[in-house]
PDB file of N, CA and C in Angstrom:
ATOM      1  N   MET A   1       0.847  -0.981  -0.173  1.00  0.00           N
ATOM      2  CA  MET A   1       0.024  -0.048  -0.085  1.00  0.00           C
ATOM      3  C   MET A   1       0.696   1.100   0.248  1.00  0.00           C
ATOM      4  N   ILE A   2       0.369   1.871  -0.247  1.00  0.00           N
ATOM      5  CA  ILE A   2       0.794   3.641  -0.933  1.00  0.00           C
ATOM      6  C   ILE A   2       0.379   4.579   0.169  1.00  0.00           C
ATOM      7  N   ILE A   3       0.942   5.286   0.879  1.00  0.00           N
ATOM      8  CA  ILE A   3      -0.125   6.403   1.844  1.00  0.00           C
ATOM      9  C   ILE A   3       0.492   7.648   1.018  1.00  0.00           C
ATOM     10  N   VAL A   4      -0.340   8.560   0.834  1.00  0.00           N
ATOM     11  CA  VAL A   4       0.013   9.865   0.155  1.00  0.00           C
ATOM     12  C   VAL A   4      -0.572  10.811   1.068  1.00  0.00           C
ATOM     13  N   THR A   5       0.509  11.738   1.848  1.00  0.00           N
ATOM     14  CA  THR A   5      -0.091  13.005   2.615  1.00  0.00           C
ATOM     15  C   THR A   5       0.482  14.212   1.531  1.00  0.00           C
ATOM     16  N   GLY A   6      -0.602  15.433   2.046  1.00  0.00           N
ATOM     17  CA  GLY A   6      -0.061  16.730   1.511  1.00  0.00           C
ATOM     18  C   GLY A   6      -0.576  17.776   2.132  1.00  0.00           C
ATOM     19  N   GLN A   7      -0.212  18.634   2.080  1.00  0.00           N
ATOM     20  CA  GLN A   7      -0.617  20.250   3.041  1.00  0.00           C
ATOM     21  C   GLN A   7      -0.448  21.163   1.775  1.00  0.00           C
ATOM     22  N   ALA A   8      -1.545  22.406   1.654  1.00  0.00           N
ATOM     23  CA  ALA A   8      -1.477  22.932   1.060  1.00  0.00           C
ATOM     24  C   ALA A   8      -2.239  24.352   1.364  1.00  0.00           C
ATOM     25  N   ARG A   9      -1.460  25.517   1.353  1.00  0.00           N
ATOM     26  CA  ARG A   9      -1.893  26.776   2.054  1.00  0.00           C
ATOM     27  C   ARG A   9      -2.171  27.515   0.812  1.00  0.00           C
ATOM     28  N   PHE A  10      -3.572  28.055   1.321  1.00  0.00           N
ATOM     29  CA  PHE A  10      -4.343  29.067   0.364  1.00  0.00           C
ATOM     30  C   PHE A  10      -4.105  30.446   0.908  1.00  0.00           C
ATOM     31  N   GLY A  11      -4.458  31.162   0.151  1.00  0.00           N
ATOM     32  CA  GLY A  11      -4.638  32.780   0.676  1.00  0.00           C
ATOM     33  C   GLY A  11      -6.084  32.546   1.569  1.00  0.00           C
ATOM     34  N   ALA A  12      -6.418  33.597   2.256  1.00  0.00           N
ATOM     35  CA  ALA A  12      -7.244  33.401   3.115  1.00  0.00           C
ATOM     36  C   ALA A  12      -8.475  33.241   2.762  1.00  0.00           C
ATOM     37  N   GLY A  13      -9.854  32.800   2.641  1.00  0.00           N
ATOM     38  CA  GLY A  13     -11.043  32.359   2.502  1.00  0.00           C
ATOM     39  C   GLY A  13     -10.867  31.647   1.270  1.00  0.00           C
ATOM     40  N   GLU A  14      -9.627  30.968   0.908  1.00  0.00           N
ATOM     41  CA  GLU A  14      -9.929  30.369  -0.544  1.00  0.00           C
ATOM     42  C   GLU A  14     -10.210  28.766  -0.197  1.00  0.00           C
ATOM     43  N   ILE A  15     -10.040  27.994   0.627  1.00  0.00           N
ATOM     44  CA  ILE A  15     -10.952  26.719   0.881  1.00  0.00           C
ATOM     45  C   ILE A  15     -12.145  26.727   1.174  1.00  0.00           C
ATOM     46  N   ASP A  16     -12.944  27.889   1.830  1.00  0.00           N
ATOM     47  CA  ASP A  16     -13.946  27.916   2.222  1.00  0.00           C
ATOM     48  C   ASP A  16     -14.603  28.066   0.580  1.00  0.00           C
ATOM     49  N   ARG A  17     -13.670  28.753  -0.385  1.00  0.00           N
ATOM     50  CA  ARG A  17     -14.455  29.280  -1.915  1.00  0.00           C
ATOM     51  C   ARG A  17     -14.581  27.786  -2.654  1.00  0.00           C
ATOM     52  N   LEU A  18     -13.438  27.062  -2.417  1.00  0.00           N
ATOM     53  CA  LEU A  18     -13.178  25.962  -3.117  1.00  0.00           C
ATOM     54  C   LEU A  18     -13.873  24.592  -2.563  1.00  0.00           C
ATOM     55  N   ARG A  19     -14.356  24.957  -1.614  1.00  0.00           N
ATOM     56  CA  ARG A  19     -15.090  23.603  -1.059  1.00  0.00           C
ATOM     57  C   ARG A  19     -15.472  22.657  -1.847  1.00  0.00           C
ATOM     58  N   SER A  20     -16.358  23.002  -2.639  1.00  0.00           N
ATOM     59  CA  SER A  20     -17.472  22.029  -3.229  1.00  0.00           C
ATOM     60  C   SER A  20     -16.772  21.729  -4.256  1.00  0.00           C
ATOM     61  N   GLY A  21     -15.690  22.283  -4.994  1.00  0.00           N
ATOM     62  CA  GLY A  21     -15.067  21.629  -5.966  1.00  0.00           C
ATOM     63  C   GLY A  21     -13.984  20.785  -5.434  1.00  0.00           C
ATOM     64  N   PHE A  22     -13.331  20.834  -4.287  1.00  0.00           N
ATOM     65  CA  PHE A  22     -12.903  19.949  -3.926  1.00  0.00           C
ATOM     66  C   PHE A  22     -13.822  18.484  -3.400  1.00  0.00           C
ATOM     67  N   ALA A  23     -14.868  18.977  -3.178  1.00  0.00           N
ATOM     68  CA  ALA A  23     -15.621  17.660  -2.499  1.00  0.00           C
ATOM     69  C   ALA A  23     -15.872  16.834  -3.926  1.00  0.00           C
ATOM     70  N   ALA A  24     -16.093  17.824  -4.991  1.00  0.00           N
ATOM     71  CA  ALA A  24     -16.467  17.014  -6.121  1.00  0.00           C
ATOM     72  C   ALA A  24     -15.144  15.909  -6.575  1.00  0.00           C
ATOM     73  N   TRP A  25     -14.108  16.591  -6.586  1.00  0.00           N
ATOM     74  CA  TRP A  25     -12.808  15.975  -6.941  1.00  0.00           C
ATOM     75  C   TRP A  25     -12.648  14.655  -6.309  1.00  0.00           C
ATOM     76  N   PHE A  26     -13.079  15.011  -5.120  1.00  0.00           N
ATOM     77  CA  PHE A  26     -12.249  13.811  -3.741  1.00  0.00           C
ATOM     78  C   PHE A  26     -13.147  12.698  -4.487  1.00  0.00           C
ATOM     79  N   GLU A  27     -14.680  12.992  -4.517  1.00  0.00           N
ATOM     80  CA  GLU A  27     -15.454  11.568  -5.043  1.00  0.00           C
ATOM     81  C   GLU A  27     -14.873  11.068  -5.965  1.00  0.00           C
ATOM     82  N   GLU A  28     -14.620  11.847  -6.980  1.00  0.00           N
ATOM     83  CA  GLU A  28     -14.512  11.191  -8.606  1.00  0.00           C
ATOM     84  C   GLU A  28     -12.860  10.310  -8.055  1.00  0.00           C
ATOM     85  N   SER A  29     -11.859  11.268  -7.035  1.00  0.00           N
ATOM     86  CA  SER A  29     -10.997   9.998  -6.873  1.00  0.00           C
ATOM     87  C   SER A  29     -11.026   8.884  -5.942  1.00  0.00           C
ATOM     88  N   ARG A  30     -12.176   8.919  -5.274  1.00  0.00           N
ATOM     89  CA  ARG A  30     -12.596   7.595  -4.663  1.00  0.00           C
ATOM     90  C   ARG A  30     -13.148   6.826  -5.668  1.00  0.00           C
ATOM     91  N   ARG A  31     -13.325   7.132  -6.516  1.00  0.00           N
ATOM     92  CA  ARG A  31     -13.656   6.020  -7.880  1.00  0.00           C
ATOM     93  C   ARG A  31     -12.963   5.596  -8.688  1.00  0.00           C
ATOM     94  N   ARG A  32     -11.487   5.802  -8.478  1.00  0.00           N
ATOM     95  CA  ARG A  32     -10.464   5.525  -9.122  1.00  0.00           C
ATOM     96  C   ARG A  32      -9.894   4.091  -9.214  1.00  0.00           C
ATOM     97  N   ALA A  33      -9.745   3.524  -9.759  1.00  0.00           N
ATOM     98  CA  ALA A  33      -9.003   2.172  -9.841  1.00  0.00           C
ATOM     99  C   ALA A  33      -7.659   2.048  -8.573  1.00  0.00           C
ATOM    100  N   GLY A  34      -7.729   0.889  -7.914  1.00  0.00           N
ATOM    101  CA  GLY A  34      -6.602   1.776  -6.690  1.00  0.00           C
ATOM    102  C   GLY A  34      -6.779   2.073  -5.670  1.00  0.00           C
ATOM    103  N   CYS A  35      -7.226   3.233  -5.716  1.00  0.00           N
ATOM    104  CA  CYS A  35      -7.855   4.100  -4.610  1.00  0.00           C
ATOM    105  C   CYS A  35      -8.336   3.358  -3.406  1.00  0.00           C
ATOM    106  N   ILE A  36      -8.054   3.513  -2.399  1.00  0.00           N
ATOM    107  CA  ILE A  36      -8.352   2.564  -0.821  1.00  0.00           C
ATOM    108  C   ILE A  36      -9.379   3.801  -0.451  1.00  0.00           C
ATOM    109  N   SER A  37      -8.393   5.100  -0.098  1.00  0.00           N
ATOM    110  CA  SER A  37      -9.270   6.107   0.574  1.00  0.00           C
ATOM    111  C   SER A  37      -8.650   7.587   0.326  1.00  0.00           C
ATOM    112  N   TYR A  38      -9.586   8.387   0.114  1.00  0.00           N
ATOM    113  CA  TYR A  38      -9.267   9.813  -0.217  1.00  0.00           C
ATOM    114  C   TYR A  38     -10.088  11.079   0.542  1.00  0.00           C
ATOM    115  N   HIS A  39      -8.904  11.680   1.071  1.00  0.00           N
ATOM    116  CA  HIS A  39      -9.433  12.587   2.775  1.00  0.00           C
ATOM    117  C   HIS A  39      -8.841  13.765   2.541  1.00  0.00           C
ATOM    118  N   PHE A  40      -9.723  14.822   2.787  1.00  0.00           N
ATOM    119  CA  PHE A  40      -9.343  16.359   2.977  1.00  0.00           C
ATOM    120  C   PHE A  40      -9.640  16.835   4.338  1.00  0.00           C
ATOM    121  N   ALA A  41      -9.014  17.429   5.055  1.00  0.00           N
ATOM    122  CA  ALA A  41      -9.183  18.119   6.240  1.00  0.00           C
ATOM    123  C   ALA A  41      -8.651  19.430   6.283  1.00  0.00           C
ATOM    124  N   VAL A  42      -9.634  20.644   6.797  1.00  0.00           N
ATOM    125  CA  VAL A  42      -8.804  21.924   7.039  1.00  0.00           C
ATOM    126  C   VAL A  42      -8.657  21.943   8.335  1.00  0.00           C
ATOM    127  N   ASP A  43      -7.056  22.218   8.381  1.00  0.00           N
ATOM    128  CA  ASP A  43      -6.836  22.085   9.959  1.00  0.00           C
ATOM    129  C   ASP A  43      -7.375  23.111  10.811  1.00  0.00           C
ATOM    130  N   VAL A  44      -7.499  22.977  12.148  1.00  0.00           N
ATOM    131  CA  VAL A  44      -8.176  23.119  13.072  1.00  0.00           C
ATOM    132  C   VAL A  44      -7.847  24.618  13.734  1.00  0.00           C
ATOM    133  N   ALA A  45      -6.474  24.328  13.582  1.00  0.00           N
ATOM    134  CA  ALA A  45      -5.974  25.473  13.971  1.00  0.00           C
ATOM    135  C   ALA A  45      -5.495  27.050  12.609  1.00  0.00           C
ATOM    136  N   ASP A  46      -5.439  26.136  11.415  1.00  0.00           N
ATOM    137  CA  ASP A  46      -5.107  27.077  11.015  1.00  0.00           C
ATOM    138  C   ASP A  46      -6.049  27.060   9.342  1.00  0.00           C
ATOM    139  N   PRO A  47      -7.043  27.839   9.280  1.00  0.00           N
ATOM    140  CA  PRO A  47      -8.540  27.625   8.171  1.00  0.00           C
ATOM    141  C   PRO A  47      -7.856  27.701   6.778  1.00  0.00           C
ATOM    142  N   ASP A  48      -6.464  28.448   6.753  1.00  0.00           N
ATOM    143  CA  ASP A  48      -6.045  28.600   5.711  1.00  0.00           C
ATOM    144  C   ASP A  48      -4.973  27.298   4.839  1.00  0.00           C
ATOM    145  N   LEU A  49      -5.214  25.854   5.782  1.00  0.00           N
ATOM    146  CA  LEU A  49      -3.969  24.911   5.653  1.00  0.00           C
ATOM    147  C   LEU A  49      -4.930  24.065   5.247  1.00  0.00           C
ATOM    148  N   LEU A  50      -4.895  22.966   4.232  1.00  0.00           N
ATOM    149  CA  LEU A  50      -5.654  21.998   4.104  1.00  0.00           C
ATOM    150  C   LEU A  50      -4.331  20.991   3.898  1.00  0.00           C
ATOM    151  N   HIS A  51      -5.219  19.532   4.496  1.00  0.00           N
ATOM    152  CA  HIS A  51      -4.513  18.299   4.688  1.00  0.00           C
ATOM    153  C   HIS A  51      -5.116  17.481   3.895  1.00  0.00           C
ATOM    154  N   VAL A  52      -4.309  16.867   2.890  1.00  0.00           N
ATOM    155  CA  VAL A  52      -4.726  15.595   2.177  1.00  0.00           C
ATOM    156  C   VAL A  52      -4.048  14.129   2.661  1.00  0.00           C
ATOM    157  N   ILE A  53      -5.064  13.127   2.711  1.00  0.00           N
ATOM    158  CA  ILE A  53      -4.318  11.950   2.879  1.00  0.00           C
ATOM    159  C   ILE A  53      -4.921  10.967   2.029  1.00  0.00           C
ATOM    160  N   GLU A  54      -4.404  10.112   1.166  1.00  0.00           N
ATOM    161  CA  GLU A  54      -4.282   9.096   0.299  1.00  0.00           C
ATOM    162  C   GLU A  54      -3.773   7.728   0.441  1.00  0.00           C
ATOM    163  N   TYR A  55      -4.563   6.753   0.409  1.00  0.00           N
ATOM    164  CA  TYR A  55      -4.339   5.307   0.338  1.00  0.00           C
ATOM    165  C   TYR A  55      -4.366   5.146  -1.097  1.00  0.00           C
ATOM    166  N   TRP A  56      -3.714   4.176  -1.795  1.00  0.00           N
ATOM    167  CA  TRP A  56      -3.782   3.624  -2.737  1.00  0.00           C
ATOM    168  C   TRP A  56      -3.309   2.258  -2.689  1.00  0.00           C
ATOM    169  N   ASP A  57      -3.775   1.406  -3.744  1.00  0.00           N
ATOM    170  CA  ASP A  57      -2.942  -0.051  -3.735  1.00  0.00           C
ATOM    171  C   ASP A  57      -1.566  -0.353  -3.855  1.00  0.00           C
ATOM    172  N   ASP A  58      -1.363   0.255  -5.140  1.00  0.00           N
ATOM    173  CA  ASP A  58       0.356   0.438  -5.693  1.00  0.00           C
ATOM    174  C   ASP A  58       0.890   1.980  -6.146  1.00  0.00           C
ATOM    175  N   GLU A  59       1.669   1.912  -6.888  1.00  0.00           N
ATOM    176  CA  GLU A  59       2.339   2.895  -7.377  1.00  0.00           C
ATOM    177  C   GLU A  59       1.852   3.125  -8.626  1.00  0.00           C
ATOM    178  N   ALA A  60       1.610   1.982  -9.179  1.00  0.00           N
ATOM    179  CA  ALA A  60       0.914   2.390 -10.866  1.00  0.00           C
ATOM    180  C   ALA A  60      -0.842   3.011 -10.521  1.00  0.00           C
ATOM    181  N   SER A  61      -1.290   2.917  -9.553  1.00  0.00           N
ATOM    182  CA  SER A  61      -3.081   3.279  -8.999  1.00  0.00           C
ATOM    183  C   SER A  61      -2.610   4.851  -9.291  1.00  0.00           C
ATOM    184  N   ILE A  62      -1.810   5.127  -8.861  1.00  0.00           N
ATOM    185  CA  ILE A  62      -1.014   6.434  -8.415  1.00  0.00           C
ATOM    186  C   ILE A  62      -0.989   7.119  -9.378  1.00  0.00           C
ATOM    187  N   ASP A  63      -0.003   6.751 -10.533  1.00  0.00           N
ATOM    188  CA  ASP A  63       0.754   7.261 -11.625  1.00  0.00           C
ATOM    189  C   ASP A  63      -0.319   7.295 -12.337  1.00  0.00           C
ATOM    190  N   ALA A  64      -1.571   6.301 -12.526  1.00  0.00           N
ATOM    191  CA  ALA A  64      -2.927   6.486 -13.273  1.00  0.00           C
ATOM    192  C   ALA A  64      -3.611   7.735 -12.806  1.00  0.00           C
ATOM    193  N   HIS A  65      -3.652   8.042 -11.741  1.00  0.00           N
ATOM    194  CA  HIS A  65      -4.389   8.997 -11.142  1.00  0.00           C
ATOM    195  C   HIS A  65      -3.676  10.313 -11.266  1.00  0.00           C
ATOM    196  N   MET A  66      -2.600  10.473 -11.444  1.00  0.00           N
ATOM    197  CA  MET A  66      -1.716  11.710 -11.746  1.00  0.00           C
ATOM    198  C   MET A  66      -1.869  12.378 -13.053  1.00  0.00           C
ATOM    199  N   THR A  67      -2.161  10.974 -14.050  1.00  0.00           N
ATOM    200  CA  THR A  67      -2.305  11.889 -15.196  1.00  0.00           C
ATOM    201  C   THR A  67      -3.054  12.241 -15.449  1.00  0.00           C
ATOM    202  N   ASP A  68      -4.555  12.604 -14.734  1.00  0.00           N
ATOM    203  CA  ASP A  68      -5.772  12.579 -15.239  1.00  0.00           C
ATOM    204  C   ASP A  68      -6.167  13.448 -13.914  1.00  0.00           C
ATOM    205  N   MET A  69      -5.657  14.878 -13.919  1.00  0.00           N
ATOM    206  CA  MET A  69      -5.723  16.016 -12.746  1.00  0.00           C
ATOM    207  C   MET A  69      -6.801  16.957 -13.536  1.00  0.00           C
ATOM    208  N   GLY A  70      -7.194  16.732 -14.597  1.00  0.00           N
ATOM    209  CA  GLY A  70      -7.972  18.461 -15.354  1.00  0.00           C
ATOM    210  C   GLY A  70      -8.972  18.739 -14.072  1.00  0.00           C
ATOM    211  N   MET A  71      -9.880  17.799 -13.546  1.00  0.00           N
ATOM    212  CA  MET A  71     -10.790  17.906 -12.794  1.00  0.00           C
ATOM    213  C   MET A  71     -10.332  19.105 -11.473  1.00  0.00           C
ATOM    214  N   LEU A  72      -9.137  18.756 -11.144  1.00  0.00           N
ATOM    215  CA  LEU A  72      -8.646  19.539  -9.425  1.00  0.00           C
ATOM    216  C   LEU A  72      -8.054  20.556 -10.716  1.00  0.00           C
ATOM    217  N   MET A  73      -7.291  20.489 -11.753  1.00  0.00           N
ATOM    218  CA  MET A  73      -6.683  21.992 -12.168  1.00  0.00           C
ATOM    219  C   MET A  73      -7.843  22.907 -12.360  1.00  0.00           C
ATOM    220  N   GLN A  74      -9.043  22.508 -12.536  1.00  0.00           N
ATOM    221  CA  GLN A  74     -10.079  23.595 -13.340  1.00  0.00           C
ATOM    222  C   GLN A  74     -10.761  24.223 -11.711  1.00  0.00           C
ATOM    223  N   THR A  75     -10.667  23.289 -10.918  1.00  0.00           N
ATOM    224  CA  THR A  75     -10.833  23.669  -9.432  1.00  0.00           C
ATOM    225  C   THR A  75     -10.222  24.886  -8.776  1.00  0.00           C
ATOM    226  N   LEU A  76      -8.763  24.419  -9.246  1.00  0.00           N
ATOM    227  CA  LEU A  76      -7.662  25.557  -8.538  1.00  0.00           C
ATOM    228  C   LEU A  76      -7.493  26.745  -9.444  1.00  0.00           C
ATOM    229  N   ALA A  77      -7.992  27.068 -10.691  1.00  0.00           N
ATOM    230  CA  ALA A  77      -7.700  27.826 -11.689  1.00  0.00           C
ATOM    231  C   ALA A  77      -7.826  29.137 -10.907  1.00  0.00           C
ATOM    232  N   GLY A  78      -6.859  30.098 -10.995  1.00  0.00           N
ATOM    233  CA  GLY A  78      -6.940  31.037 -10.332  1.00  0.00           C
ATOM    234  C   GLY A  78      -6.998  31.174  -9.297  1.00  0.00           C
ATOM    235  N   THR A  79      -6.636  30.430  -7.956  1.00  0.00           N
ATOM    236  CA  THR A  79      -6.842  30.371  -6.898  1.00  0.00           C
ATOM    237  C   THR A  79      -5.432  30.795  -6.482  1.00  0.00           C
ATOM    238  N   GLN A  80      -5.248  31.409  -5.078  1.00  0.00           N
ATOM    239  CA  GLN A  80      -4.418  31.955  -4.606  1.00  0.00           C
ATOM    240  C   GLN A  80      -3.490  30.825  -3.704  1.00  0.00           C
ATOM    241  N   MET A  81      -2.970  29.818  -3.913  1.00  0.00           N
ATOM    242  CA  MET A  81      -2.348  28.956  -3.512  1.00  0.00           C
ATOM    243  C   MET A  81      -0.724  29.234  -3.486  1.00  0.00           C
ATOM    244  N   LEU A  82      -0.660  29.511  -2.107  1.00  0.00           N
ATOM    245  CA  LEU A  82       0.773  29.851  -1.335  1.00  0.00           C
ATOM    246  C   LEU A  82       1.786  28.784  -1.003  1.00  0.00           C
ATOM    247  N   SER A  83       1.423  27.727  -1.066  1.00  0.00           N
ATOM    248  CA  SER A  83       2.422  26.799  -0.968  1.00  0.00           C
ATOM    249  C   SER A  83       1.687  25.287  -0.836  1.00  0.00           C
ATOM    250  N   LEU A  84       2.382  24.300  -1.376  1.00  0.00           N
ATOM    251  CA  LEU A  84       2.138  22.625  -2.088  1.00  0.00           C
ATOM    252  C   LEU A  84       3.307  21.997  -1.397  1.00  0.00           C
ATOM    253  N   LYS A  85       2.646  21.105  -0.925  1.00  0.00           N
ATOM    254  CA  LYS A  85       4.006  19.701  -1.015  1.00  0.00           C
ATOM    255  C   LYS A  85       2.909  18.459  -0.474  1.00  0.00           C
ATOM    256  N   VAL A  86       3.695  17.488  -1.319  1.00  0.00           N
ATOM    257  CA  VAL A  86       2.836  15.885  -1.107  1.00  0.00           C
ATOM    258  C   VAL A  86       4.132  15.113  -1.541  1.00  0.00           C
ATOM    259  N   ASP A  87       3.734  14.142  -0.783  1.00  0.00           N
ATOM    260  CA  ASP A  87       4.655  12.932  -0.685  1.00  0.00           C
ATOM    261  C   ASP A  87       3.689  11.755  -0.516  1.00  0.00           C
ATOM    262  N   ALA A  88       4.904  10.617  -1.309  1.00  0.00           N
ATOM    263  CA  ALA A  88       4.210   9.442  -1.051  1.00  0.00           C
ATOM    264  C   ALA A  88       5.018   8.291  -0.306  1.00  0.00           C
ATOM    265  N   TYR A  89       4.570   7.459   0.366  1.00  0.00           N
ATOM    266  CA  TYR A  89       5.470   6.479   1.870  1.00  0.00           C
ATOM    267  C   TYR A  89       4.842   5.035   1.511  1.00  0.00           C
ATOM    268  N   GLU A  90       5.966   3.926   1.157  1.00  0.00           N
ATOM    269  CA  GLU A  90       5.165   2.583   1.133  1.00  0.00           C
ATOM    270  C   GLU A  90       5.007   2.688   2.849  1.00  0.00           C
ATOM    271  N   ALA A  91       3.690   1.746   2.697  1.00  0.00           N
ATOM    272  CA  ALA A  91       3.546   1.412   4.116  1.00  0.00           C
ATOM    273  C   ALA A  91       3.056   0.175   4.299  1.00  0.00           C
ATOM    274  N   ARG A  92       2.928  -0.489   5.392  1.00  0.00           N
ATOM    275  CA  ARG A  92       3.080  -1.855   6.013  1.00  0.00           C
ATOM    276  C   ARG A  92       2.529  -1.689   7.242  1.00  0.00           C
ATOM    277  N   PHE A  93       1.402  -2.548   7.408  1.00  0.00           N
ATOM    278  CA  PHE A  93       0.562  -2.377   8.876  1.00  0.00           C
ATOM    279  C   PHE A  93       1.447  -3.167   9.824  1.00  0.00           C
ATOM    280  N   VAL A  94       1.446  -2.578  10.837  1.00  0.00           N
ATOM    281  CA  VAL A  94       2.442  -2.946  12.112  1.00  0.00           C
ATOM    282  C   VAL A  94       1.444  -3.000  13.404  1.00  0.00           C
ATOM    283  N   LYS A  95       0.655  -2.316  13.941  1.00  0.00           N
ATOM    284  CA  LYS A  95      -0.141  -3.114  14.765  1.00  0.00           C
ATOM    285  C   LYS A  95      -1.487  -2.029  14.796  1.00  0.00           C
ATOM    286  N   THR A  96      -2.302  -2.262  15.465  1.00  0.00           N
ATOM    287  CA  THR A  96      -3.598  -1.340  15.911  1.00  0.00           C
ATOM    288  C   THR A  96      -3.281  -0.413  17.415  1.00  0.00           C
ATOM    289  N   LEU A  97      -3.286   0.851  17.095  1.00  0.00           N
ATOM    290  CA  LEU A  97      -2.539   1.504  18.186  1.00  0.00           C
ATOM    291  C   LEU A  97      -4.072   2.148  19.280  1.00  0.00           C
ATOM    292  N   MET A  98      -4.920   2.174  18.536  1.00  0.00           N
ATOM    293  CA  MET A  98      -6.179   2.169  19.477  1.00  0.00           C
ATOM    294  C   MET A  98      -7.497   1.592  18.690  1.00  0.00           C
ATOM    295  N   GLY A  99      -8.390   1.279  19.423  1.00  0.00           N
ATOM    296  CA  GLY A  99      -9.835   1.318  19.065  1.00  0.00           C
ATOM    297  C   GLY A  99      -9.810  -0.522  18.783  1.00  0.00           C
ATOM    298  N   GLU A 100     -10.557  -0.744  18.123  1.00  0.00           N
ATOM    299  CA  GLU A 100     -10.821  -2.659  17.551  1.00  0.00           C
ATOM    300  C   GLU A 100     -10.029  -2.343  16.457  1.00  0.00           C
TER     301      GLU A 100
END
C-alpha cells in the first residue's frame, strides 16, 4: 500500500470558496482503480491550511491517477495557493494503537 500525504496553504478564505470543487474531486478520486481512501481536512488551528491523505493499492494506481488531474486543475484555476507539498510513502501494517 502507498500512503500519500499533502498540505496546501491557500490565501485567506480560498478553501471555503473551493470546498464544493474539492468535494467533487475527492469523490471522483475515490472511484478510481486502486484508491483505497481519499480524504481532506482543514486544519483546526489554521483555516487556510488543507491536509490531504490518500491510500492507494500501488504506485501504478497513483501514476494513473496523476495523469488525469484536469478536474482538480479546473477547481484550482485562479486560486491563490501559497504552498504545496505532497509525499508518497510505502506502508505496511504494524499494529492497532487504539480502538478495535
